Amino acid sequence: MLAFGLGAALLASVLFNVGIVLQALDARTAPKQLGYRVGLLTMLLRRKRWVLGFVLGVVGVWPQVIAYSKAPFVVVQPALALGLLLVLVLGVEMLGESVGLRAICGVVAIIGGIALVAWGAPAHSESHRGGFLVIGVVVFLTAGVVAPFLVRGTRFDTGMLAIFATGFGFGATNVATKLFGDDVDVSHWGNAVAWGLVGLATGVAATIANMTAFQRRAATTVVPISTSVQTFLPILLEPLFLREHWGSIGYDGVPIAAGLVVALLGNVLISGTHAVSDLIGDAA
């Protein structure tokens, strides 16, 4: 089950990031005055190439749901970041940039981090905690992505706020997707629909915040921070909304902790590659 879930996560990551690359070609030309506005999305929805990238992202949600239902949350989350490797390759092919030592080290770090997390992960036997705790976690993450929309045009409307809002928003989407998959497995269709709608809403808000962030700050700043927040914040919050059998982890959880740190380092290294970070920034 672990291998199947990991494979589904990797497939989802490929679909997501191929879509990102396609969207990059149009999103990087978006007018800055459309930041934090729905009009930014309506404009892009009129461009066929951007729509194709969007469709690939939507298709990727299904293997993501399967991954969450078959593998531990802490395995799926870092695995989804592996798509950065595909962006690296496509960035080299499209932009004519060479892969330096920094990028190679990032590749090795991510692969090693995923291996460590998978090795130390507990048996897959998760269940949800009480309803208030589950809802509270999602509300907290959702508040993080809604905040910049509420303070738009004020002195609090900064590029850094947009970066963190992006991470919070996609983190909320990941958690809602996880809860959606679990409810589908036990045929709780009402709850599944509710979590699906939450995931859709937070995903749209996060997309708008993400594109706004890249209009205001350098990609080498946006990518490492937003990727880190959206990947690891849900993992840190996991004990609040899931009952995972952590007593079954090996070596007192050292492999998981080390794997998360190493994978994070790999993301930072790859995101620092100028050509790739620019491509991710324009697309995201």
Protein backbone atom coordinates (compact mmCIF):
# COMPACT_ATOMS: atom_id res chain seq x y z
CA MET A 1 0.00 0.00 0.00
CA LEU A 2 2.85 2.38 0.82
CA ALA A 3 4.48 1.86 -2.58
CA PHE A 4 1.15 2.28 -4.38
CA GLY A 5 0.37 5.47 -2.48
CA LEU A 6 3.85 6.85 -3.15
CA GLY A 7 3.48 6.07 -6.86
CA ALA A 8 0.13 7.88 -6.97
CA ALA A 9 1.71 10.90 -5.28
CA LEU A 10 4.49 10.98 -7.86
CA LEU A 11 1.97 10.78 -10.72
CA ALA A 12 0.01 13.64 -9.20
CA SER A 13 3.20 15.65 -8.88
CA VAL A 14 4.06 15.12 -12.56
CA LEU A 15 0.61 16.25 -13.68
CA PHE A 16 0.67 19.28 -11.40
CA ASN A 17 4.07 20.48 -12.52
CA VAL A 18 3.65 19.88 -16.25
CA GLY A 19 0.54 21.99 -15.89
CA ILE A 20 2.55 24.66 -14.07
CA VAL A 21 5.08 24.85 -16.88
CA LEU A 22 2.33 25.29 -19.48
CA GLN A 23 0.66 27.97 -17.38
CA ALA A 24 3.98 29.76 -16.91
CA LEU A 25 4.11 30.79 -20.55
CA ASP A 26 0.97 32.91 -20.07
CA ALA A 27 0.90 33.71 -16.36
CA ARG A 28 4.19 35.59 -16.37
CA THR A 29 2.68 38.22 -18.67
CA ALA A 30 -0.25 38.96 -16.34
CA PRO A 31 -0.71 42.68 -15.51
CA LYS A 32 0.41 43.54 -11.97
CA GLN A 33 -2.73 45.59 -11.29
CA LEU A 34 -4.73 42.35 -11.34
CA GLY A 35 -3.03 41.09 -8.17
CA TYR A 36 -5.44 39.54 -5.65
CA ARG A 37 -8.28 39.89 -8.15
CA VAL A 38 -10.48 37.26 -9.74
CA GLY A 39 -9.97 39.10 -13.01
CA LEU A 40 -6.47 37.64 -13.12
CA LEU A 41 -7.93 34.16 -13.44
CA THR A 42 -10.69 35.16 -15.86
CA MET A 43 -8.07 36.64 -18.17
CA LEU A 44 -5.94 33.50 -18.09
CA LEU A 45 -8.96 31.26 -18.60
CA ARG A 46 -9.30 32.75 -22.08
CA ARG A 47 -5.90 31.36 -23.08
CA LYS A 48 -5.95 27.77 -24.31
CA ARG A 49 -2.44 26.89 -23.19
CA TRP A 50 -3.12 28.09 -19.66
CA VAL A 51 -6.40 26.16 -19.60
CA LEU A 52 -4.58 22.98 -20.66
CA GLY A 53 -2.18 23.42 -17.76
CA PHE A 54 -5.13 23.95 -15.43
CA VAL A 55 -6.84 20.78 -16.68
CA LEU A 56 -3.68 18.75 -16.01
CA GLY A 57 -3.68 20.12 -12.46
CA VAL A 58 -7.31 19.14 -11.97
CA VAL A 59 -6.64 15.62 -13.30
CA GLY A 60 -3.74 15.38 -10.86
CA VAL A 61 -6.10 15.75 -7.90
CA TRP A 62 -7.40 12.19 -8.35
CA PRO A 63 -4.05 10.38 -7.93
CA GLN A 64 -3.38 12.79 -5.06
CA VAL A 65 -6.57 11.61 -3.36
CA ILE A 66 -5.55 7.99 -3.94
CA ALA A 67 -2.11 8.70 -2.49
CA TYR A 68 -3.61 10.16 0.68
CA SER A 69 -5.85 7.13 1.10
CA LYS A 70 -3.06 4.55 0.62
CA ALA A 71 0.01 6.11 2.25
CA PRO A 72 0.74 8.10 5.42
CA PHE A 73 0.29 11.85 5.16
CA VAL A 74 3.96 12.50 5.98
CA VAL A 75 5.01 10.40 2.97
CA VAL A 76 2.62 11.96 0.45
CA GLN A 77 3.42 15.57 1.33
CA PRO A 78 7.17 15.52 0.51
CA ALA A 79 6.59 13.23 -2.48
CA LEU A 80 4.41 15.88 -4.09
CA ALA A 81 7.44 18.19 -4.09
CA LEU A 82 9.33 15.82 -6.39
CA GLY A 83 7.68 17.49 -9.37
CA LEU A 84 10.25 20.26 -8.97
CA LEU A 85 12.69 17.85 -10.60
CA LEU A 86 10.51 17.75 -13.72
CA VAL A 87 10.32 21.53 -13.70
CA LEU A 88 14.11 21.54 -13.52
CA VAL A 89 14.39 19.41 -16.67
CA LEU A 90 11.76 21.36 -18.57
CA GLY A 91 13.36 24.60 -17.46
CA VAL A 92 16.69 23.52 -18.91
CA GLU A 93 15.08 22.42 -22.19
CA MET A 94 12.94 25.53 -22.57
CA LEU A 95 15.36 28.15 -21.28
CA GLY A 96 18.66 26.63 -22.41
CA GLU A 97 20.16 26.74 -18.90
CA SER A 98 22.70 24.17 -17.70
CA VAL A 99 22.22 22.18 -14.49
CA GLY A 100 24.83 23.21 -11.96
CA LEU A 101 26.11 21.58 -8.80
CA ARG A 102 23.48 23.34 -6.72
CA ALA A 103 20.64 21.78 -8.67
CA ILE A 104 22.25 18.33 -8.61
CA CYS A 105 22.66 18.54 -4.83
CA GLY A 106 19.00 19.52 -4.59
CA VAL A 107 17.96 16.46 -6.56
CA VAL A 108 19.98 14.15 -4.34
CA ALA A 109 18.65 15.83 -1.19
CA ILE A 110 15.01 15.47 -2.20
CA ILE A 111 15.39 11.82 -3.17
CA GLY A 112 17.24 11.10 0.07
CA GLY A 113 14.66 12.97 2.12
CA ILE A 114 11.77 11.04 0.57
CA ALA A 115 13.57 7.75 1.23
CA LEU A 116 14.16 8.65 4.88
CA VAL A 117 10.55 9.70 5.45
CA ALA A 118 9.19 6.57 3.75
CA TRP A 119 11.55 4.38 5.81
CA GLY A 120 10.54 5.89 9.14
CA ALA A 121 6.82 6.39 8.49
CA PRO A 122 4.33 4.58 10.78
CA ALA A 123 1.87 1.98 9.59
CA HIS A 124 -1.01 3.45 7.59
CA SER A 125 -3.88 3.37 10.09
CA GLU A 126 -5.08 6.95 10.31
CA SER A 127 -8.43 8.21 11.56
CA HIS A 128 -9.84 11.68 12.07
CA ARG A 129 -9.96 13.33 15.46
CA GLY A 130 -13.01 15.20 16.75
CA GLY A 131 -14.88 17.38 14.30
CA PHE A 132 -13.99 20.66 16.01
CA LEU A 133 -10.26 19.92 15.87
CA VAL A 134 -10.41 18.97 12.19
CA ILE A 135 -12.43 22.06 11.27
CA GLY A 136 -10.19 24.23 13.44
CA VAL A 137 -7.05 23.21 11.55
CA VAL A 138 -8.66 23.94 8.17
CA VAL A 139 -10.04 27.29 9.39
CA PHE A 140 -6.58 28.28 10.66
CA LEU A 141 -4.96 27.50 7.30
CA THR A 142 -7.78 29.15 5.37
CA ALA A 143 -7.47 32.33 7.43
CA GLY A 144 -3.84 32.53 6.34
CA VAL A 145 -4.76 32.67 2.65
CA VAL A 146 -7.74 34.99 3.12
CA ALA A 147 -5.78 37.58 5.13
CA PRO A 148 -4.07 39.40 2.21
CA PHE A 149 -7.38 39.81 0.39
CA LEU A 150 -8.77 41.63 3.43
CA VAL A 151 -5.83 44.03 3.75
CA ARG A 152 -5.32 44.69 0.03
CA GLY A 153 -4.18 48.25 -0.57
CA THR A 154 -3.10 48.88 3.03
CA ARG A 155 0.40 49.04 4.51
CA PHE A 156 0.03 45.39 5.48
CA ASP A 157 -0.33 44.38 1.82
CA THR A 158 3.24 43.15 1.31
CA GLY A 159 4.93 40.63 -0.92
CA MET A 160 5.96 38.52 2.06
CA LEU A 161 2.34 38.27 3.20
CA ALA A 162 1.41 37.01 -0.27
CA ILE A 163 4.15 34.36 -0.07
CA PHE A 164 2.95 33.02 3.27
CA ALA A 165 -0.69 33.20 2.13
CA THR A 166 0.22 30.98 -0.81
CA GLY A 167 1.72 28.36 1.49
CA PHE A 168 -1.23 28.48 3.88
CA GLY A 169 -3.72 28.23 1.02
CA PHE A 170 -2.20 25.23 -0.69
CA GLY A 171 -1.63 23.67 2.73
CA ALA A 172 -5.36 24.00 3.39
CA THR A 173 -6.07 22.47 -0.01
CA ASN A 174 -3.83 19.50 0.77
CA VAL A 175 -5.51 18.90 4.13
CA ALA A 176 -9.01 19.20 2.62
CA THR A 177 -8.02 16.77 -0.14
CA LYS A 178 -6.79 14.31 2.48
CA LEU A 179 -10.06 14.56 4.41
CA PHE A 180 -12.06 14.26 1.17
CA GLY A 181 -10.28 11.02 0.29
CA ASP A 182 -10.82 9.54 3.73
CA ASP A 183 -14.56 10.30 3.63
CA VAL A 184 -14.87 8.80 0.14
CA ASP A 185 -13.26 5.59 1.43
CA VAL A 186 -15.94 5.20 4.12
CA SER A 187 -18.79 6.44 1.87
CA HIS A 188 -19.45 9.61 3.89
CA TRP A 189 -20.54 11.42 0.75
CA GLY A 190 -21.91 14.56 2.40
CA ASN A 191 -18.66 15.23 4.24
CA ALA A 192 -16.67 14.36 1.12
CA VAL A 193 -18.54 16.95 -0.95
CA ALA A 194 -18.03 19.58 1.75
CA TRP A 195 -14.27 18.96 1.93
CA GLY A 196 -14.08 18.94 -1.86
CA LEU A 197 -15.66 22.39 -2.01
CA VAL A 198 -13.31 23.66 0.70
CA GLY A 199 -10.33 22.33 -1.23
CA LEU A 200 -11.53 23.99 -4.43
CA ALA A 201 -12.09 27.37 -2.76
CA THR A 202 -8.75 27.42 -0.95
CA GLY A 203 -6.98 26.26 -4.12
CA VAL A 204 -8.39 29.18 -6.13
CA ALA A 205 -7.49 31.69 -3.42
CA ALA A 206 -3.99 30.24 -3.12
CA THR A 207 -3.47 30.43 -6.89
CA ILE A 208 -4.39 34.11 -6.95
CA ALA A 209 -2.16 34.83 -3.95
CA ASN A 210 0.70 32.87 -5.50
CA MET A 211 0.67 34.77 -8.77
CA THR A 212 0.43 38.04 -6.87
CA ALA A 213 3.45 37.08 -4.77
CA PHE A 214 5.56 36.51 -7.86
CA GLN A 215 4.55 39.89 -9.21
CA ARG A 216 6.05 41.53 -6.11
CA ARG A 217 9.01 39.49 -4.92
CA ALA A 218 11.90 37.61 -6.47
CA ALA A 219 11.19 33.98 -7.32
CA THR A 220 14.24 32.87 -5.33
CA THR A 221 12.46 34.26 -2.26
CA VAL A 222 8.93 33.12 -3.09
CA VAL A 223 9.61 29.51 -4.09
CA PRO A 224 11.58 28.28 -1.05
CA ILE A 225 9.28 29.92 1.50
CA SER A 226 5.93 29.05 -0.08
CA THR A 227 7.00 25.49 -0.89
CA SER A 228 8.23 24.97 2.64
CA VAL A 229 5.05 26.34 4.21
CA GLN A 230 2.62 24.37 2.03
CA THR A 231 4.59 21.12 2.34
CA PHE A 232 5.54 21.01 5.99
CA LEU A 233 2.94 23.10 7.83
CA PRO A 234 0.22 20.44 7.29
CA ILE A 235 2.67 17.80 8.54
CA LEU A 236 3.28 19.78 11.73
CA LEU A 237 -0.48 20.17 12.22
CA GLU A 238 -1.21 16.51 11.49
CA PRO A 239 -1.40 15.41 15.16
CA LEU A 240 -4.26 17.88 15.65
CA PHE A 241 -6.57 16.38 13.02
CA LEU A 242 -5.40 12.77 12.51
CA ARG A 243 -4.85 9.83 14.84
CA GLU A 244 -1.71 8.25 13.42
CA HIS A 245 -0.14 5.23 15.13
CA TRP A 246 3.16 6.97 15.80
CA GLY A 247 4.13 4.25 18.26
CA SER A 248 5.07 2.09 15.27
CA ILE A 249 7.73 4.45 13.94
CA GLY A 250 11.30 3.24 14.03
CA TYR A 251 14.36 4.83 15.60
CA ASP A 252 12.28 7.29 17.67
CA GLY A 253 11.22 9.23 14.58
CA VAL A 254 14.75 10.31 13.66
CA PRO A 255 14.42 9.17 10.00
CA ILE A 256 11.23 11.20 9.55
CA ALA A 257 12.68 14.33 11.11
CA ALA A 258 15.91 14.03 9.15
CA GLY A 259 14.05 13.26 5.93
CA LEU A 260 11.84 16.33 6.23
CA VAL A 261 14.86 18.56 6.84
CA VAL A 262 16.82 17.06 3.93
CA ALA A 263 13.85 17.30 1.54
CA LEU A 264 13.31 20.91 2.58
CA LEU A 265 16.97 21.66 1.88
CA GLY A 266 16.62 20.07 -1.54
CA ASN A 267 13.64 22.27 -2.35
CA VAL A 268 15.57 25.36 -1.35
CA LEU A 269 18.59 24.39 -3.43
CA ILE A 270 16.59 23.65 -6.57
CA SER A 271 14.44 26.74 -6.16
CA GLY A 272 17.59 28.82 -6.03
CA THR A 273 18.49 27.85 -9.60
CA HIS A 274 17.75 31.09 -11.47
CA ALA A 275 16.16 29.72 -14.63
CA VAL A 276 13.99 27.21 -12.81
CA SER A 277 12.94 29.52 -10.00
CA ASP A 278 11.92 32.16 -12.53
CA LEU A 279 9.84 29.58 -14.41
CA ILE A 280 8.17 28.31 -11.25
CA GLY A 281 7.57 31.83 -10.07
CA ASP A 282 5.85 32.97 -13.24
CA ALA A 283 3.76 29.81 -13.38
CA ALA A 284 2.70 29.38 -9.77
